[in-house]
Amino acid sequence: MRLSRLGLLFAVASLPLVLWASLPVLSDGSPLSSRIQQKRRAIEQKKGRERVLSSTVARYSHKIGALQSDITVLQRKQVRIQGDLDAKRAELARIQEELRQERIRLARLRARLAEARIALAGRLVELYKADKPDVVTVVLNSDGFADLLDRTEFMQRVSDQDARIIDRVRTARADAKRTAEHLDKLEKRQTKVAAAIEARRDEVSRVRGQLVDRRDQFAAVRSDKAGALASTRESRQHLEGDLAALEEANQKVQAQLASAQNGTPSASAGPVRPGSGGLVWPVNGPIVSPFGMRWGRLHAGVDIAVPSGTPVRASKAGTVQIAGWVGGYGNYTCIGHGGGLSTCYGHQSSIGTSVGARVSQGQVIGSSGCTGHCFGPHVHFETRINGTPVNPAGYL
């Protein structure tokens, strides 16, 4: 009988060591807790990287805004240049038409001048060959007074015709000179306008090239930003998934260890464990996740690891205020104790009370489990003052 008792005592004493030896390890021999810490550090590094990327994204956004402003300015400038270019083209078309008309006019004037010069040359030849008639010759050769008058009128007409021929030549020469000068001005103006059009056209081409470059930069910055954020987010989510799986395994092992160390069956409530602040512990087990900020949010209570199905006790007498499913808490019970104090119990596998029921301190109000958002069986225990979560460590 003594030997069987010694054997039982030895088995109980060695059970925690056996369970600890059965913990999952890394390929290099590190225990599960060490791997969890490594994952948490890696996640924090990724979050740090995300913060850096957020700052970089802000700079990119500022740069994108500047680029968009430049693009808008360039587009407006392009519209103005295109308007000037259209006006210059219209002006060039008018000048070209005017040049065409002036060339036609100059050709006619030159033809008239040539005719006048031929007529003048012929008249000069005739005058050169003929003797210059004088008044005495005209009078003596006249056959009377009537003939004299006819000869005098003829001489006057010849003189008038010669004057007209000379005047025509002079006028045609002056018109040709003025037309040639005007044509020269028009040609110079045409050359100047054509050069201005070419300059404007080059400027439009350069502006369009700048617009394309700006838009390419815009697209590249936006692509870099999206790629960096997507890559970092995917990596962090992958690490958080690994961490959740590791914590779930760790909590299961810790619950088994706690059950073995307490020497109680998994479904037994065990002895009542009083706290230092007038409450009793809802279950007997280690705190595996304390109260406080973690991963960017408040963990509003403490997580006490126990096997699934462990009876959950009311930490203090009071009236049940909540008893049912509440989001990520799963099956959730809250008890009001007066003076603004409430205690709450989450992730229960089942609820053993109802709203409005009076419960005594230590009374079983449900069973532990893993309902809602959790990674293993435990009891999420909260203390609240006027609804605001406070650290349960001051009450347990």
Protein backbone atom coordinates (compact mmCIF):
# COMPACT_ATOMS: atom_id res chain seq x y z
CA MET A 1 0.00 0.00 0.00
CA ARG A 2 2.88 2.31 0.90
CA LEU A 3 4.58 1.51 -2.41
CA SER A 4 1.44 2.36 -4.39
CA ARG A 5 1.17 5.69 -2.57
CA LEU A 6 4.82 6.47 -3.27
CA GLY A 7 4.30 5.59 -6.92
CA LEU A 8 1.26 7.83 -7.14
CA LEU A 9 3.13 10.70 -5.43
CA PHE A 10 6.04 10.28 -7.85
CA ALA A 11 3.68 10.29 -10.85
CA VAL A 12 1.96 13.46 -9.69
CA ALA A 13 5.29 15.18 -9.00
CA SER A 14 6.75 14.22 -12.37
CA LEU A 15 3.67 15.08 -14.45
CA PRO A 16 4.56 18.82 -14.88
CA LEU A 17 8.03 17.84 -16.05
CA VAL A 18 6.57 15.43 -18.58
CA LEU A 19 4.15 18.05 -19.85
CA TRP A 20 6.92 20.65 -20.08
CA ALA A 21 9.02 18.17 -22.05
CA SER A 22 6.10 17.70 -24.44
CA LEU A 23 5.98 21.44 -25.32
CA PRO A 24 6.53 22.12 -29.05
CA VAL A 25 10.06 23.31 -29.81
CA LEU A 26 11.76 25.05 -32.70
CA SER A 27 14.04 23.19 -35.06
CA ASP A 28 17.00 24.62 -33.11
CA GLY A 29 15.60 23.37 -29.78
CA SER A 30 13.98 26.64 -28.58
CA PRO A 31 10.79 26.23 -26.51
CA LEU A 32 7.40 27.45 -27.67
CA SER A 33 7.49 30.54 -25.44
CA SER A 34 10.77 31.61 -27.02
CA ARG A 35 9.27 31.22 -30.47
CA ILE A 36 6.26 33.32 -29.42
CA GLN A 37 8.58 36.07 -28.23
CA GLN A 38 10.48 35.95 -31.52
CA LYS A 39 7.23 36.26 -33.46
CA ARG A 40 6.12 39.19 -31.33
CA ARG A 41 9.44 40.96 -31.89
CA ALA A 42 9.14 40.31 -35.63
CA ILE A 43 5.60 41.74 -35.62
CA GLU A 44 6.79 44.83 -33.75
CA GLN A 45 9.55 45.25 -36.33
CA LYS A 46 6.98 45.00 -39.11
CA LYS A 47 4.80 47.57 -37.37
CA GLY A 48 7.82 49.83 -37.08
CA ARG A 49 8.38 49.33 -40.78
CA GLU A 50 4.73 50.21 -41.42
CA ARG A 51 5.16 53.43 -39.46
CA VAL A 52 8.20 54.29 -41.57
CA LEU A 53 6.20 53.47 -44.69
CA SER A 54 3.36 55.65 -43.47
CA SER A 55 5.78 58.56 -43.21
CA THR A 56 7.13 57.71 -46.66
CA VAL A 57 3.61 57.50 -48.04
CA ALA A 58 2.91 60.97 -46.62
CA ARG A 59 5.97 62.31 -48.43
CA TYR A 60 4.87 60.53 -51.60
CA SER A 61 1.41 62.04 -51.27
CA HIS A 62 2.94 65.50 -50.93
CA LYS A 63 5.08 64.84 -54.00
CA ILE A 64 2.06 63.58 -55.93
CA GLY A 65 0.18 66.76 -55.01
CA ALA A 66 3.09 68.87 -56.27
CA LEU A 67 3.22 66.86 -59.49
CA GLN A 68 -0.50 67.27 -60.03
CA SER A 69 -0.15 71.02 -59.53
CA ASP A 70 2.66 71.14 -62.11
CA ILE A 71 0.58 69.11 -64.54
CA THR A 72 -2.32 71.53 -64.16
CA VAL A 73 -0.05 74.53 -64.81
CA LEU A 74 1.48 72.87 -67.85
CA GLN A 75 -1.92 71.95 -69.25
CA ARG A 76 -3.07 75.56 -68.96
CA LYS A 77 0.12 76.74 -70.61
CA GLN A 78 -0.39 74.24 -73.42
CA VAL A 79 -3.90 75.60 -74.05
CA ARG A 80 -2.54 79.18 -74.25
CA ILE A 81 0.27 78.17 -76.60
CA GLN A 82 -2.12 76.26 -78.83
CA GLY A 83 -4.32 79.36 -79.05
CA ASP A 84 -1.32 81.51 -80.02
CA LEU A 85 -0.25 78.92 -82.56
CA ASP A 86 -3.70 78.88 -84.16
CA ALA A 87 -3.68 82.70 -84.35
CA LYS A 88 -0.23 82.73 -85.96
CA ARG A 89 -1.30 80.13 -88.48
CA ALA A 90 -4.34 82.22 -89.42
CA GLU A 91 -2.12 85.31 -89.73
CA LEU A 92 0.31 83.39 -91.92
CA ALA A 93 -2.53 82.29 -94.18
CA ARG A 94 -3.64 85.93 -94.56
CA ILE A 95 -0.09 87.07 -95.33
CA GLN A 96 0.36 84.32 -97.90
CA GLU A 97 -2.86 85.36 -99.66
CA GLU A 98 -1.76 89.00 -99.58
CA LEU A 99 1.59 88.00 -101.01
CA ARG A 100 -0.12 86.14 -103.82
CA GLN A 101 -2.23 89.19 -104.70
CA GLU A 102 0.80 91.49 -104.55
CA ARG A 103 2.80 89.20 -106.81
CA ILE A 104 -0.04 89.23 -109.36
CA ARG A 105 -0.22 93.03 -109.15
CA LEU A 106 3.54 93.37 -109.49
CA ALA A 107 3.49 91.14 -112.56
CA ARG A 108 0.82 93.37 -114.17
CA LEU A 109 2.76 96.52 -113.30
CA ARG A 110 5.93 95.10 -114.77
CA ALA A 111 4.04 94.21 -117.96
CA ARG A 112 2.65 97.76 -118.16
CA LEU A 113 6.10 99.18 -117.54
CA ALA A 114 7.54 97.05 -120.31
CA GLU A 115 4.83 98.24 -122.73
CA ALA A 116 5.41 101.84 -121.73
CA ARG A 117 9.14 101.47 -122.21
CA ILE A 118 8.63 99.94 -125.68
CA ALA A 119 6.29 102.78 -126.68
CA LEU A 120 8.69 105.38 -125.33
CA ALA A 121 11.61 103.80 -127.10
CA GLY A 122 9.71 103.79 -130.40
CA ARG A 123 8.74 107.42 -130.01
CA LEU A 124 12.29 108.43 -129.22
CA VAL A 125 13.50 106.63 -132.33
CA GLU A 126 10.93 108.50 -134.43
CA LEU A 127 11.88 111.84 -132.91
CA TYR A 128 15.51 111.10 -133.50
CA LYS A 129 14.96 110.25 -137.18
CA ALA A 130 12.64 113.20 -137.89
CA ASP A 131 13.83 116.81 -137.99
CA LYS A 132 12.59 118.95 -135.24
CA PRO A 133 9.81 121.05 -136.80
CA ASP A 134 9.92 124.75 -136.05
CA VAL A 135 7.19 127.35 -136.24
CA VAL A 136 8.49 128.98 -139.46
CA THR A 137 8.57 125.59 -141.25
CA VAL A 138 5.08 124.79 -140.16
CA VAL A 139 3.81 128.23 -141.31
CA LEU A 140 5.59 128.20 -144.69
CA ASN A 141 4.51 124.69 -145.53
CA SER A 142 0.89 125.39 -144.69
CA ASP A 143 -1.65 125.63 -147.52
CA GLY A 144 -3.68 128.21 -145.86
CA PHE A 145 -4.90 129.25 -142.50
CA ALA A 146 -7.00 126.19 -142.02
CA ASP A 147 -4.08 123.89 -142.74
CA LEU A 148 -1.96 125.93 -140.34
CA LEU A 149 -4.47 125.33 -137.58
CA ASP A 150 -4.49 121.63 -138.35
CA ARG A 151 -0.71 121.43 -138.25
CA THR A 152 -0.56 123.36 -134.95
CA GLU A 153 -3.14 121.06 -133.33
CA PHE A 154 -1.21 118.03 -134.55
CA MET A 155 2.00 119.31 -133.00
CA GLN A 156 0.18 119.88 -129.70
CA ARG A 157 -1.24 116.37 -129.75
CA VAL A 158 2.16 114.88 -130.45
CA SER A 159 3.57 116.81 -127.52
CA ASP A 160 0.71 115.70 -125.25
CA GLN A 161 1.14 112.06 -126.29
CA ASP A 162 4.84 112.17 -125.59
CA ALA A 163 4.12 113.63 -122.17
CA ARG A 164 1.58 110.92 -121.41
CA ILE A 165 4.01 108.20 -122.48
CA ILE A 166 6.69 109.63 -120.23
CA ASP A 167 4.21 109.97 -117.36
CA ARG A 168 3.06 106.37 -117.79
CA VAL A 169 6.62 105.15 -117.66
CA ARG A 170 7.33 107.26 -114.58
CA THR A 171 4.12 106.12 -112.85
CA ALA A 172 4.64 102.48 -113.72
CA ARG A 173 8.19 102.64 -112.42
CA ALA A 174 7.07 104.23 -109.13
CA ASP A 175 4.26 101.67 -108.68
CA ALA A 176 6.62 98.82 -109.39
CA LYS A 177 9.09 100.17 -106.86
CA ARG A 178 6.43 100.58 -104.16
CA THR A 179 5.01 97.13 -104.85
CA ALA A 180 8.47 95.57 -104.72
CA GLU A 181 9.15 97.28 -101.37
CA HIS A 182 5.78 96.14 -100.00
CA LEU A 183 6.42 92.64 -101.27
CA ASP A 184 9.80 92.62 -99.55
CA LYS A 185 8.15 93.68 -96.26
CA LEU A 186 5.54 90.97 -96.61
CA GLU A 187 8.20 88.34 -97.28
CA LYS A 188 10.16 89.43 -94.20
CA ARG A 189 6.99 89.36 -92.14
CA GLN A 190 6.17 85.92 -93.49
CA THR A 191 9.61 84.68 -92.48
CA LYS A 192 9.22 86.16 -88.98
CA VAL A 193 5.75 84.66 -88.48
CA ALA A 194 6.94 81.28 -89.75
CA ALA A 195 9.84 81.37 -87.26
CA ALA A 196 7.43 82.29 -84.45
CA ILE A 197 5.18 79.39 -85.39
CA GLU A 198 8.09 76.99 -85.37
CA ALA A 199 9.16 78.25 -81.93
CA ARG A 200 5.64 77.86 -80.59
CA ARG A 201 5.37 74.40 -82.07
CA ASP A 202 8.65 73.36 -80.41
CA GLU A 203 7.43 74.78 -77.12
CA VAL A 204 4.19 72.83 -77.37
CA SER A 205 6.15 69.66 -78.06
CA ARG A 206 8.41 70.32 -75.08
CA VAL A 207 5.43 71.00 -72.80
CA ARG A 208 3.78 67.79 -73.91
CA GLY A 209 6.99 65.88 -73.18
CA GLN A 210 7.08 67.39 -69.70
CA LEU A 211 3.46 66.38 -69.15
CA VAL A 212 4.24 62.79 -70.13
CA ASP A 213 7.26 62.70 -67.80
CA ARG A 214 5.23 64.11 -64.91
CA ARG A 215 2.48 61.59 -65.42
CA ASP A 216 4.99 58.74 -65.58
CA GLN A 217 6.49 59.93 -62.29
CA PHE A 218 2.99 60.11 -60.80
CA ALA A 219 2.26 56.53 -61.85
CA ALA A 220 5.64 55.27 -60.62
CA VAL A 221 5.26 56.90 -57.19
CA ARG A 222 1.74 55.57 -56.82
CA SER A 223 2.87 52.07 -57.84
CA ASP A 224 5.82 52.11 -55.41
CA LYS A 225 3.56 53.25 -52.58
CA ALA A 226 0.95 50.56 -53.22
CA GLY A 227 3.58 47.83 -53.60
CA ALA A 228 5.43 48.73 -50.40
CA LEU A 229 2.25 48.92 -48.32
CA ALA A 230 0.85 45.67 -49.72
CA SER A 231 4.10 43.80 -49.14
CA THR A 232 4.52 45.01 -45.55
CA ARG A 233 0.88 44.40 -44.68
CA GLU A 234 0.96 40.87 -46.11
CA SER A 235 4.14 40.05 -44.19
CA ARG A 236 2.74 41.39 -40.91
CA GLN A 237 -0.55 39.50 -41.33
CA HIS A 238 1.37 36.31 -42.00
CA LEU A 239 3.40 36.79 -38.82
CA GLU A 240 0.27 37.57 -36.79
CA GLY A 241 -1.31 34.37 -38.10
CA ASP A 242 1.73 32.39 -36.98
CA LEU A 243 1.65 34.13 -33.58
CA ALA A 244 -2.04 33.34 -33.10
CA ALA A 245 -1.39 29.66 -33.79
CA LEU A 246 1.59 29.62 -31.41
CA GLU A 247 -0.34 31.39 -28.63
CA GLU A 248 -3.23 28.97 -29.04
CA ALA A 249 -0.87 26.03 -28.64
CA ASN A 250 0.89 27.73 -25.74
CA GLN A 251 -2.34 28.44 -23.89
CA LYS A 252 -3.48 24.86 -24.29
CA VAL A 253 -0.20 23.61 -22.83
CA GLN A 254 -0.30 26.16 -20.00
CA ALA A 255 -3.87 25.12 -19.18
CA GLN A 256 -2.76 21.49 -19.01
CA LEU A 257 0.19 22.43 -16.81
CA ALA A 258 -2.05 24.51 -14.53
CA SER A 259 -4.50 21.65 -14.17
CA ALA A 260 -1.71 19.19 -13.40
CA GLN A 261 0.02 21.51 -10.94
CA ASN A 262 -3.22 22.16 -9.06
CA GLY A 263 -3.77 18.41 -8.87
CA THR A 264 -7.47 18.79 -9.82
CA PRO A 265 -9.48 17.19 -12.60
CA SER A 266 -10.05 19.47 -15.64
CA ALA A 267 -13.76 19.79 -14.97
CA SER A 268 -13.39 20.51 -11.23
CA ALA A 269 -13.77 24.04 -9.86
CA GLY A 270 -11.14 23.36 -7.17
CA PRO A 271 -10.88 25.26 -3.91
CA VAL A 272 -12.00 28.87 -3.69
CA ARG A 273 -9.00 31.17 -4.14
CA PRO A 274 -9.50 34.50 -2.37
CA GLY A 275 -8.01 37.70 -3.75
CA SER A 276 -6.46 40.68 -1.98
CA GLY A 277 -9.23 43.13 -2.86
CA GLY A 278 -12.32 41.41 -1.51
CA LEU A 279 -12.95 39.24 -4.58
CA VAL A 280 -12.29 35.57 -5.19
CA TRP A 281 -10.67 34.20 -8.35
CA PRO A 282 -13.25 33.06 -10.90
CA VAL A 283 -11.06 30.01 -11.69
CA ASN A 284 -7.77 28.64 -10.41
CA GLY A 285 -5.06 29.08 -13.07
CA PRO A 286 -2.15 31.23 -14.19
CA ILE A 287 -2.63 34.65 -15.82
CA VAL A 288 -1.34 34.18 -19.36
CA SER A 289 -2.26 37.64 -20.69
CA PRO A 290 -2.30 40.67 -18.35
CA PHE A 291 -4.31 43.89 -18.45
CA GLY A 292 -2.98 46.79 -20.59
CA MET A 293 -2.25 48.14 -24.06
CA ARG A 294 -1.07 45.54 -26.52
CA TRP A 295 -0.71 45.62 -30.31
CA GLY A 296 -2.37 49.00 -30.57
CA ARG A 297 -5.45 48.31 -28.41
CA LEU A 298 -6.46 47.85 -24.77
CA HIS A 299 -6.67 44.33 -23.38
CA ALA A 300 -9.46 45.18 -20.92
CA GLY A 301 -8.95 42.25 -18.52
CA VAL A 302 -6.73 39.30 -17.65
CA ASP A 303 -6.77 35.88 -19.29
CA ILE A 304 -6.67 32.97 -16.83
CA ALA A 305 -5.72 29.66 -18.46
CA VAL A 306 -7.81 26.64 -17.43
CA PRO A 307 -9.08 23.56 -19.27
CA SER A 308 -12.33 23.82 -21.20
CA GLY A 309 -15.36 23.05 -19.02
CA THR A 310 -13.84 24.32 -15.76
CA PRO A 311 -16.59 25.81 -13.54
CA VAL A 312 -16.51 29.62 -13.35
CA ARG A 313 -17.33 31.23 -9.98
CA ALA A 314 -18.79 34.67 -9.25
CA SER A 315 -15.99 36.76 -7.74
CA LYS A 316 -18.44 38.61 -5.49
CA ALA A 317 -22.13 38.53 -4.67
CA GLY A 318 -24.34 40.65 -6.88
CA THR A 319 -26.97 40.85 -9.61
CA VAL A 320 -26.41 39.49 -13.12
CA GLN A 321 -26.54 42.38 -15.59
CA ILE A 322 -25.39 40.65 -18.81
CA ALA A 323 -25.63 36.96 -19.70
CA GLY A 324 -25.32 36.04 -23.37
CA TRP A 325 -23.25 36.26 -26.52
CA VAL A 326 -21.32 39.55 -26.88
CA GLY A 327 -19.18 39.84 -30.06
CA GLY A 328 -15.55 38.77 -29.62
CA TYR A 329 -16.19 37.91 -25.95
CA GLY A 330 -18.33 34.94 -26.95
CA ASN A 331 -20.51 33.80 -24.03
CA TYR A 332 -20.18 36.73 -21.64
CA THR A 333 -21.50 37.35 -18.14
CA CYS A 334 -21.33 40.59 -16.12
CA ILE A 335 -22.36 40.91 -12.45
CA GLY A 336 -23.05 44.22 -10.70
CA HIS A 337 -21.82 44.41 -7.09
CA GLY A 338 -22.89 47.94 -6.13
CA GLY A 339 -20.82 51.10 -5.80
CA GLY A 340 -20.20 51.09 -9.57
CA LEU A 341 -18.15 47.86 -9.44
CA SER A 342 -18.87 45.07 -11.94
CA THR A 343 -17.03 41.86 -12.80
CA CYS A 344 -17.26 40.22 -16.21
CA TYR A 345 -16.38 36.76 -17.52
CA GLY A 346 -15.77 36.04 -21.23
CA HIS A 347 -15.21 33.11 -23.65
CA GLN A 348 -17.34 30.69 -21.57
CA SER A 349 -18.40 27.44 -23.19
CA SER A 350 -21.75 27.78 -21.43
CA ILE A 351 -23.58 30.24 -19.16
CA GLY A 352 -25.18 28.96 -15.93
CA THR A 353 -27.19 32.03 -14.91
CA SER A 354 -29.48 34.69 -16.38
CA VAL A 355 -29.99 38.44 -16.35
CA GLY A 356 -31.53 39.68 -13.07
CA ALA A 357 -30.49 36.63 -11.05
CA ARG A 358 -28.92 37.15 -7.61
CA VAL A 359 -25.68 35.21 -7.17
CA SER A 360 -23.50 34.68 -4.12
CA GLN A 361 -19.71 34.92 -3.96
CA GLY A 362 -18.14 31.70 -5.24
CA GLN A 363 -21.35 30.49 -6.91
CA VAL A 364 -20.78 28.70 -10.24
CA ILE A 365 -22.17 30.88 -13.05
CA GLY A 366 -20.84 29.03 -16.12
CA SER A 367 -18.04 26.92 -17.64
CA SER A 368 -14.75 27.99 -19.23
CA GLY A 369 -14.15 27.55 -22.95
CA CYS A 370 -13.02 29.33 -26.11
CA THR A 371 -16.05 31.06 -27.61
CA GLY A 372 -15.71 34.35 -29.52
CA HIS A 373 -12.21 35.50 -30.48
CA CYS A 374 -9.67 33.40 -28.59
CA PHE A 375 -6.73 31.06 -29.13
CA GLY A 376 -7.37 28.43 -26.49
CA PRO A 377 -9.58 27.64 -23.49
CA HIS A 378 -9.37 30.28 -20.75
CA VAL A 379 -11.48 32.78 -18.82
CA HIS A 380 -11.24 36.43 -19.76
CA PHE A 381 -11.87 38.24 -16.43
CA GLU A 382 -12.60 41.98 -16.18
CA THR A 383 -13.24 44.46 -13.40
CA ARG A 384 -15.09 47.65 -14.35
CA ILE A 385 -15.86 50.85 -12.43
CA ASN A 386 -18.98 52.55 -13.81
CA GLY A 387 -18.43 50.54 -16.99
CA THR A 388 -14.78 51.54 -17.48
CA PRO A 389 -12.23 48.69 -17.41
CA VAL A 390 -9.67 48.80 -14.60
CA ASN A 391 -6.80 46.44 -13.84
CA PRO A 392 -8.15 43.32 -12.03
CA ALA A 393 -4.74 42.85 -10.37
CA GLY A 394 -5.80 45.30 -7.64
CA TYR A 395 -8.75 43.06 -6.73
CA LEU A 396 -7.31 39.56 -7.00
